[in-house]
Amino acid sequence: MNAYGYVSYRQFLIDAVGERKKLDRSFNYSRLAVRICVQKSYFTHVLKGRGDLNSDQLYLVARELDLGPSLVDYLLLLLEIERCRVPERKTRLIQRRDQLQAKNLTSGASLRREARPVDDASIAEYYGNPY
């Protein structure tokens, strides 16, 4: 699942928890709420758009979902966009989100790979006798 395709941290959380449930049946919203130290009912309100997590809570959720640092930063940016009430700042945050999406939603971003050095032994093995 690529978090950069999301414009709402809530929708990402809903989908990510659903994916995690497929791997671990004991993983659910109640367990996640306990792990991030929020009431289960409040967590439900957040997922329904009636409240927001704070940055620390979203960080803990990302840690529970084993997300890398760049995805955590992206989710925190989505949270900032949701909570921002200053139009000029919100526009700048959205522009930053769009830049990150453009950078990370290309196939090249998913296929980045370092070239491995090729030595004579590897060439001989590759082109050697197939029998």
N, C-alpha and C. Protein backbone atom coordinates (compact mmCIF):
# COMPACT_ATOMS: atom_id res chain seq x y z
N MET A 1 0.85 -1.17 0.00
CA MET A 1 0.00 0.00 0.00
C MET A 1 0.90 1.24 0.00
N ASN A 2 0.60 2.15 -0.87
CA ASN A 2 1.40 3.36 -0.99
C ASN A 2 0.66 4.53 -0.35
N ALA A 3 1.17 4.99 0.77
CA ALA A 3 0.52 6.08 1.52
C ALA A 3 0.47 7.37 0.72
N TYR A 4 1.39 7.54 -0.22
CA TYR A 4 1.44 8.79 -0.98
C TYR A 4 0.24 8.97 -1.90
N GLY A 5 -0.56 7.96 -2.09
CA GLY A 5 -1.76 8.07 -2.89
C GLY A 5 -2.94 8.63 -2.11
N TYR A 6 -2.75 8.86 -0.82
CA TYR A 6 -3.84 9.33 0.04
C TYR A 6 -3.73 10.83 0.28
N VAL A 7 -4.88 11.48 0.40
CA VAL A 7 -4.92 12.89 0.77
C VAL A 7 -5.55 13.07 2.15
N SER A 8 -5.94 11.97 2.78
CA SER A 8 -6.51 12.00 4.12
C SER A 8 -5.82 10.95 4.98
N TYR A 9 -5.29 11.37 6.11
CA TYR A 9 -4.65 10.40 7.00
C TYR A 9 -5.67 9.42 7.56
N ARG A 10 -6.92 9.87 7.70
CA ARG A 10 -7.96 8.98 8.22
C ARG A 10 -8.21 7.80 7.27
N GLN A 11 -8.36 8.11 6.00
CA GLN A 11 -8.62 7.04 5.03
C GLN A 11 -7.44 6.08 4.96
N PHE A 12 -6.23 6.62 5.05
CA PHE A 12 -5.07 5.75 5.07
C PHE A 12 -5.12 4.82 6.28
N LEU A 13 -5.46 5.35 7.45
CA LEU A 13 -5.52 4.52 8.65
C LEU A 13 -6.57 3.42 8.51
N ILE A 14 -7.72 3.77 7.97
CA ILE A 14 -8.78 2.77 7.78
C ILE A 14 -8.29 1.65 6.88
N ASP A 15 -7.67 2.01 5.76
CA ASP A 15 -7.17 1.00 4.81
C ASP A 15 -5.99 0.21 5.38
N ALA A 16 -5.09 0.90 6.07
CA ALA A 16 -3.91 0.22 6.63
C ALA A 16 -4.30 -0.76 7.72
N VAL A 17 -5.24 -0.38 8.56
CA VAL A 17 -5.70 -1.31 9.61
C VAL A 17 -6.40 -2.50 8.96
N GLY A 18 -7.18 -2.25 7.92
CA GLY A 18 -7.82 -3.36 7.20
C GLY A 18 -6.80 -4.33 6.63
N GLU A 19 -5.73 -3.79 6.04
CA GLU A 19 -4.66 -4.65 5.50
C GLU A 19 -3.97 -5.43 6.62
N ARG A 20 -3.73 -4.74 7.72
CA ARG A 20 -3.05 -5.40 8.86
C ARG A 20 -3.91 -6.50 9.46
N LYS A 21 -5.24 -6.28 9.47
CA LYS A 21 -6.16 -7.31 9.99
C LYS A 21 -6.06 -8.60 9.18
N LYS A 22 -5.80 -8.47 7.88
CA LYS A 22 -5.68 -9.66 7.04
C LYS A 22 -4.48 -10.50 7.46
N LEU A 23 -3.44 -9.85 7.95
CA LEU A 23 -2.23 -10.56 8.38
C LEU A 23 -2.31 -11.02 9.83
N ASP A 24 -3.00 -10.25 10.66
CA ASP A 24 -3.08 -10.54 12.09
C ASP A 24 -4.51 -10.28 12.56
N ARG A 25 -5.26 -11.34 12.74
CA ARG A 25 -6.68 -11.20 13.09
C ARG A 25 -6.91 -10.49 14.42
N SER A 26 -5.92 -10.50 15.30
CA SER A 26 -6.10 -9.86 16.61
C SER A 26 -5.89 -8.34 16.53
N PHE A 27 -5.42 -7.85 15.41
CA PHE A 27 -5.19 -6.41 15.26
C PHE A 27 -6.51 -5.74 14.89
N ASN A 28 -6.93 -4.75 15.68
CA ASN A 28 -8.17 -4.04 15.41
C ASN A 28 -8.10 -2.62 15.95
N TYR A 29 -9.14 -1.85 15.73
CA TYR A 29 -9.16 -0.46 16.16
C TYR A 29 -9.08 -0.34 17.68
N SER A 30 -9.74 -1.23 18.39
CA SER A 30 -9.71 -1.17 19.85
C SER A 30 -8.30 -1.38 20.38
N ARG A 31 -7.64 -2.36 19.85
CA ARG A 31 -6.26 -2.65 20.27
C ARG A 31 -5.35 -1.48 19.93
N LEU A 32 -5.54 -0.90 18.77
CA LEU A 32 -4.73 0.23 18.34
C LEU A 32 -4.97 1.44 19.24
N ALA A 33 -6.21 1.69 19.59
CA ALA A 33 -6.54 2.82 20.47
C ALA A 33 -5.85 2.66 21.82
N VAL A 34 -5.86 1.45 22.35
CA VAL A 34 -5.19 1.20 23.63
C VAL A 34 -3.69 1.44 23.50
N ARG A 35 -3.10 0.99 22.41
CA ARG A 35 -1.65 1.13 22.21
C ARG A 35 -1.21 2.58 22.06
N ILE A 36 -2.10 3.45 21.57
CA ILE A 36 -1.73 4.86 21.40
C ILE A 36 -2.31 5.74 22.51
N CYS A 37 -2.89 5.10 23.52
CA CYS A 37 -3.38 5.78 24.72
C CYS A 37 -4.50 6.78 24.45
N VAL A 38 -5.47 6.39 23.62
CA VAL A 38 -6.68 7.19 23.45
C VAL A 38 -7.88 6.30 23.72
N GLN A 39 -8.98 6.91 24.07
CA GLN A 39 -10.20 6.14 24.30
C GLN A 39 -10.68 5.58 22.97
N LYS A 40 -11.24 4.38 23.03
CA LYS A 40 -11.73 3.73 21.82
C LYS A 40 -12.80 4.56 21.13
N SER A 41 -13.68 5.16 21.93
CA SER A 41 -14.75 5.97 21.34
C SER A 41 -14.19 7.21 20.63
N TYR A 42 -13.15 7.81 21.20
CA TYR A 42 -12.55 8.97 20.55
C TYR A 42 -11.87 8.56 19.24
N PHE A 43 -11.20 7.41 19.26
CA PHE A 43 -10.55 6.93 18.04
C PHE A 43 -11.59 6.70 16.94
N THR A 44 -12.74 6.19 17.31
CA THR A 44 -13.83 6.01 16.35
C THR A 44 -14.29 7.36 15.80
N HIS A 45 -14.40 8.37 16.68
CA HIS A 45 -14.77 9.72 16.23
C HIS A 45 -13.74 10.27 15.24
N VAL A 46 -12.47 10.01 15.50
CA VAL A 46 -11.41 10.48 14.60
C VAL A 46 -11.59 9.84 13.23
N LEU A 47 -11.79 8.53 13.20
CA LEU A 47 -11.92 7.82 11.92
C LEU A 47 -13.16 8.27 11.15
N LYS A 48 -14.18 8.75 11.86
CA LYS A 48 -15.39 9.23 11.20
C LYS A 48 -15.33 10.71 10.87
N GLY A 49 -14.18 11.35 11.15
CA GLY A 49 -14.01 12.76 10.80
C GLY A 49 -14.54 13.74 11.81
N ARG A 50 -14.87 13.29 13.00
CA ARG A 50 -15.42 14.17 14.02
C ARG A 50 -14.37 14.64 15.03
N GLY A 51 -13.13 14.34 14.76
CA GLY A 51 -12.03 14.75 15.64
C GLY A 51 -10.72 14.47 14.92
N ASP A 52 -9.64 14.88 15.55
CA ASP A 52 -8.32 14.65 14.98
C ASP A 52 -7.40 14.07 16.04
N LEU A 53 -6.46 13.27 15.59
CA LEU A 53 -5.38 12.85 16.46
C LEU A 53 -4.41 14.01 16.59
N ASN A 54 -3.58 13.98 17.63
CA ASN A 54 -2.49 14.95 17.66
C ASN A 54 -1.27 14.29 17.01
N SER A 55 -0.22 15.04 16.84
CA SER A 55 0.96 14.54 16.14
C SER A 55 1.57 13.33 16.82
N ASP A 56 1.63 13.36 18.14
CA ASP A 56 2.21 12.23 18.87
C ASP A 56 1.38 10.97 18.71
N GLN A 57 0.07 11.11 18.75
CA GLN A 57 -0.80 9.95 18.59
C GLN A 57 -0.67 9.35 17.18
N LEU A 58 -0.62 10.21 16.18
CA LEU A 58 -0.46 9.71 14.81
C LEU A 58 0.90 9.05 14.64
N TYR A 59 1.92 9.59 15.28
CA TYR A 59 3.24 8.97 15.24
C TYR A 59 3.18 7.56 15.83
N LEU A 60 2.49 7.42 16.96
CA LEU A 60 2.37 6.10 17.60
C LEU A 60 1.60 5.12 16.72
N VAL A 61 0.57 5.60 16.04
CA VAL A 61 -0.17 4.74 15.11
C VAL A 61 0.76 4.27 14.00
N ALA A 62 1.53 5.19 13.45
CA ALA A 62 2.47 4.85 12.37
C ALA A 62 3.49 3.82 12.85
N ARG A 63 3.93 3.97 14.09
CA ARG A 63 4.88 3.00 14.66
C ARG A 63 4.24 1.63 14.80
N GLU A 64 2.99 1.61 15.22
CA GLU A 64 2.27 0.34 15.35
C GLU A 64 2.08 -0.34 13.99
N LEU A 65 1.98 0.47 12.94
CA LEU A 65 1.81 -0.06 11.58
C LEU A 65 3.14 -0.32 10.88
N ASP A 66 4.24 -0.11 11.60
CA ASP A 66 5.60 -0.34 11.07
C ASP A 66 5.89 0.47 9.82
N LEU A 67 5.53 1.75 9.83
CA LEU A 67 5.79 2.61 8.68
C LEU A 67 7.18 3.23 8.80
N GLY A 68 7.79 3.46 7.67
CA GLY A 68 9.10 4.08 7.63
C GLY A 68 9.03 5.57 7.92
N PRO A 69 10.19 6.17 8.18
CA PRO A 69 10.23 7.60 8.56
C PRO A 69 9.62 8.54 7.52
N SER A 70 9.84 8.29 6.24
CA SER A 70 9.29 9.20 5.23
C SER A 70 7.77 9.11 5.17
N LEU A 71 7.21 7.92 5.38
CA LEU A 71 5.75 7.79 5.40
C LEU A 71 5.16 8.43 6.64
N VAL A 72 5.87 8.33 7.76
CA VAL A 72 5.41 8.99 8.99
C VAL A 72 5.35 10.50 8.76
N ASP A 73 6.40 11.04 8.15
CA ASP A 73 6.41 12.48 7.87
C ASP A 73 5.27 12.88 6.93
N TYR A 74 4.99 12.03 5.95
CA TYR A 74 3.89 12.33 5.02
C TYR A 74 2.55 12.32 5.75
N LEU A 75 2.33 11.34 6.61
CA LEU A 75 1.07 11.29 7.37
C LEU A 75 0.94 12.49 8.30
N LEU A 76 2.04 12.90 8.91
CA LEU A 76 2.00 14.08 9.77
C LEU A 76 1.68 15.34 8.96
N LEU A 77 2.16 15.39 7.72
CA LEU A 77 1.81 16.50 6.83
C LEU A 77 0.31 16.48 6.53
N LEU A 78 -0.25 15.30 6.27
CA LEU A 78 -1.70 15.20 6.03
C LEU A 78 -2.48 15.65 7.25
N LEU A 79 -1.99 15.32 8.43
CA LEU A 79 -2.64 15.77 9.66
C LEU A 79 -2.60 17.30 9.76
N GLU A 80 -1.45 17.88 9.46
CA GLU A 80 -1.33 19.34 9.50
C GLU A 80 -2.30 20.00 8.52
N ILE A 81 -2.45 19.41 7.36
CA ILE A 81 -3.39 19.97 6.37
C ILE A 81 -4.81 19.92 6.93
N GLU A 82 -5.18 18.81 7.55
CA GLU A 82 -6.53 18.67 8.11
C GLU A 82 -6.79 19.70 9.21
N ARG A 83 -5.79 19.97 10.03
CA ARG A 83 -5.98 20.82 11.20
C ARG A 83 -5.75 22.30 10.92
N CYS A 84 -5.14 22.62 9.81
CA CYS A 84 -4.76 24.00 9.51
C CYS A 84 -6.00 24.85 9.23
N ARG A 85 -6.03 26.04 9.82
CA ARG A 85 -7.15 26.96 9.62
C ARG A 85 -6.72 28.26 8.94
N VAL A 86 -5.43 28.41 8.66
CA VAL A 86 -4.92 29.61 7.99
C VAL A 86 -4.82 29.30 6.50
N PRO A 87 -5.64 29.92 5.67
CA PRO A 87 -5.69 29.55 4.24
C PRO A 87 -4.34 29.60 3.53
N GLU A 88 -3.54 30.63 3.78
CA GLU A 88 -2.25 30.74 3.11
C GLU A 88 -1.32 29.58 3.49
N ARG A 89 -1.29 29.25 4.76
CA ARG A 89 -0.46 28.13 5.21
C ARG A 89 -0.98 26.81 4.66
N LYS A 90 -2.29 26.65 4.66
CA LYS A 90 -2.89 25.42 4.15
C LYS A 90 -2.52 25.23 2.67
N THR A 91 -2.52 26.31 1.91
CA THR A 91 -2.14 26.23 0.49
C THR A 91 -0.70 25.76 0.36
N ARG A 92 0.19 26.27 1.19
CA ARG A 92 1.60 25.84 1.15
C ARG A 92 1.75 24.38 1.54
N LEU A 93 0.99 23.95 2.54
CA LEU A 93 1.05 22.55 2.95
C LEU A 93 0.55 21.62 1.84
N ILE A 94 -0.51 22.02 1.18
CA ILE A 94 -1.06 21.23 0.07
C ILE A 94 -0.06 21.16 -1.08
N GLN A 95 0.62 22.26 -1.35
CA GLN A 95 1.65 22.25 -2.39
C GLN A 95 2.77 21.27 -2.02
N ARG A 96 3.15 21.26 -0.77
CA ARG A 96 4.20 20.33 -0.32
C ARG A 96 3.73 18.88 -0.47
N ARG A 97 2.45 18.64 -0.12
CA ARG A 97 1.89 17.30 -0.29
C ARG A 97 1.92 16.88 -1.76
N ASP A 98 1.52 17.80 -2.62
CA ASP A 98 1.50 17.49 -4.05
C ASP A 98 2.90 17.19 -4.58
N GLN A 99 3.90 17.92 -4.09
CA GLN A 99 5.28 17.65 -4.50
C GLN A 99 5.73 16.26 -4.07
N LEU A 100 5.40 15.91 -2.83
CA LEU A 100 5.77 14.57 -2.33
C LEU A 100 5.06 13.48 -3.11
N GLN A 101 3.80 13.72 -3.45
CA GLN A 101 3.07 12.73 -4.24
C GLN A 101 3.70 12.57 -5.62
N ALA A 102 4.02 13.68 -6.26
CA ALA A 102 4.62 13.61 -7.59
C ALA A 102 5.95 12.86 -7.55
N LYS A 103 6.70 13.09 -6.52
CA LYS A 103 8.00 12.44 -6.38
C LYS A 103 7.88 10.94 -6.08
N ASN A 104 6.89 10.57 -5.28
CA ASN A 104 6.82 9.20 -4.78
C ASN A 104 5.78 8.32 -5.46
N LEU A 105 4.97 8.87 -6.33
CA LEU A 105 3.96 8.04 -7.00
C LEU A 105 4.39 7.63 -8.40
N THR A 106 5.59 7.96 -8.80
CA THR A 106 6.09 7.52 -10.10
C THR A 106 6.59 6.10 -9.99
N SER A 107 6.59 5.38 -11.08
CA SER A 107 7.08 4.00 -11.05
C SER A 107 8.56 3.96 -10.71
N GLY A 108 9.30 4.98 -11.10
CA GLY A 108 10.73 5.03 -10.79
C GLY A 108 10.99 5.07 -9.30
N ALA A 109 10.10 5.72 -8.54
CA ALA A 109 10.28 5.78 -7.09
C ALA A 109 10.12 4.40 -6.46
N SER A 110 9.25 3.58 -7.04
CA SER A 110 9.04 2.24 -6.51
C SER A 110 10.12 1.26 -6.97
N LEU A 111 10.74 1.57 -8.08
CA LEU A 111 11.69 0.64 -8.67
C LEU A 111 13.14 1.05 -8.46
N ARG A 112 13.39 2.00 -7.59
CA ARG A 112 14.78 2.41 -7.34
C ARG A 112 15.60 1.22 -6.90
N ARG A 113 16.76 1.13 -7.50
CA ARG A 113 17.62 0.00 -7.18
C ARG A 113 19.06 0.39 -7.45
N GLU A 114 19.95 -0.04 -6.59
CA GLU A 114 21.35 0.25 -6.79
C GLU A 114 21.95 -0.76 -7.75
N ALA A 115 22.81 -0.27 -8.63
CA ALA A 115 23.50 -1.17 -9.55
C ALA A 115 24.57 -1.94 -8.78
N ARG A 116 24.64 -3.20 -9.04
CA ARG A 116 25.66 -4.03 -8.38
C ARG A 116 26.87 -4.13 -9.31
N PRO A 117 28.05 -4.07 -8.74
CA PRO A 117 29.24 -4.18 -9.59
C PRO A 117 29.34 -5.59 -10.19
N VAL A 118 29.83 -5.65 -11.42
CA VAL A 118 29.96 -6.92 -12.11
C VAL A 118 31.45 -7.23 -12.24
N ASP A 119 31.85 -8.41 -11.78
CA ASP A 119 33.25 -8.80 -11.91
C ASP A 119 33.38 -9.90 -12.97
N ASP A 120 34.60 -10.25 -13.28
CA ASP A 120 34.86 -11.24 -14.33
C ASP A 120 34.25 -12.60 -14.01
N ALA A 121 34.26 -12.99 -12.76
CA ALA A 121 33.71 -14.29 -12.37
C ALA A 121 32.20 -14.33 -12.63
N SER A 122 31.53 -13.23 -12.34
CA SER A 122 30.08 -13.17 -12.58
C SER A 122 29.77 -13.25 -14.07
N ILE A 123 30.57 -12.57 -14.87
CA ILE A 123 30.36 -12.61 -16.32
C ILE A 123 30.60 -14.02 -16.85
N ALA A 124 31.64 -14.66 -16.37
CA ALA A 124 31.95 -16.02 -16.81
C ALA A 124 30.83 -16.98 -16.41
N GLU A 125 30.31 -16.80 -15.22
CA GLU A 125 29.21 -17.67 -14.76
C GLU A 125 27.96 -17.45 -15.60
N TYR A 126 27.64 -16.20 -15.89
CA TYR A 126 26.43 -15.88 -16.65
C TYR A 126 26.51 -16.40 -18.09
N TYR A 127 27.64 -16.17 -18.72
CA TYR A 127 27.79 -16.55 -20.12
C TYR A 127 28.45 -17.93 -20.30
N GLY A 128 28.71 -18.59 -19.23
CA GLY A 128 29.42 -19.88 -19.30
C GLY A 128 28.60 -20.97 -19.94
N ASN A 129 29.14 -22.13 -19.94
CA ASN A 129 28.53 -23.30 -20.52
C ASN A 129 27.21 -23.64 -19.84
N PRO A 130 26.10 -23.69 -20.57
CA PRO A 130 24.79 -23.94 -19.94
C PRO A 130 24.58 -25.40 -19.54
N TYR A 131 25.51 -26.28 -19.91
CA TYR A 131 25.31 -27.71 -19.61
C TYR A 131 26.07 -28.15 -18.43
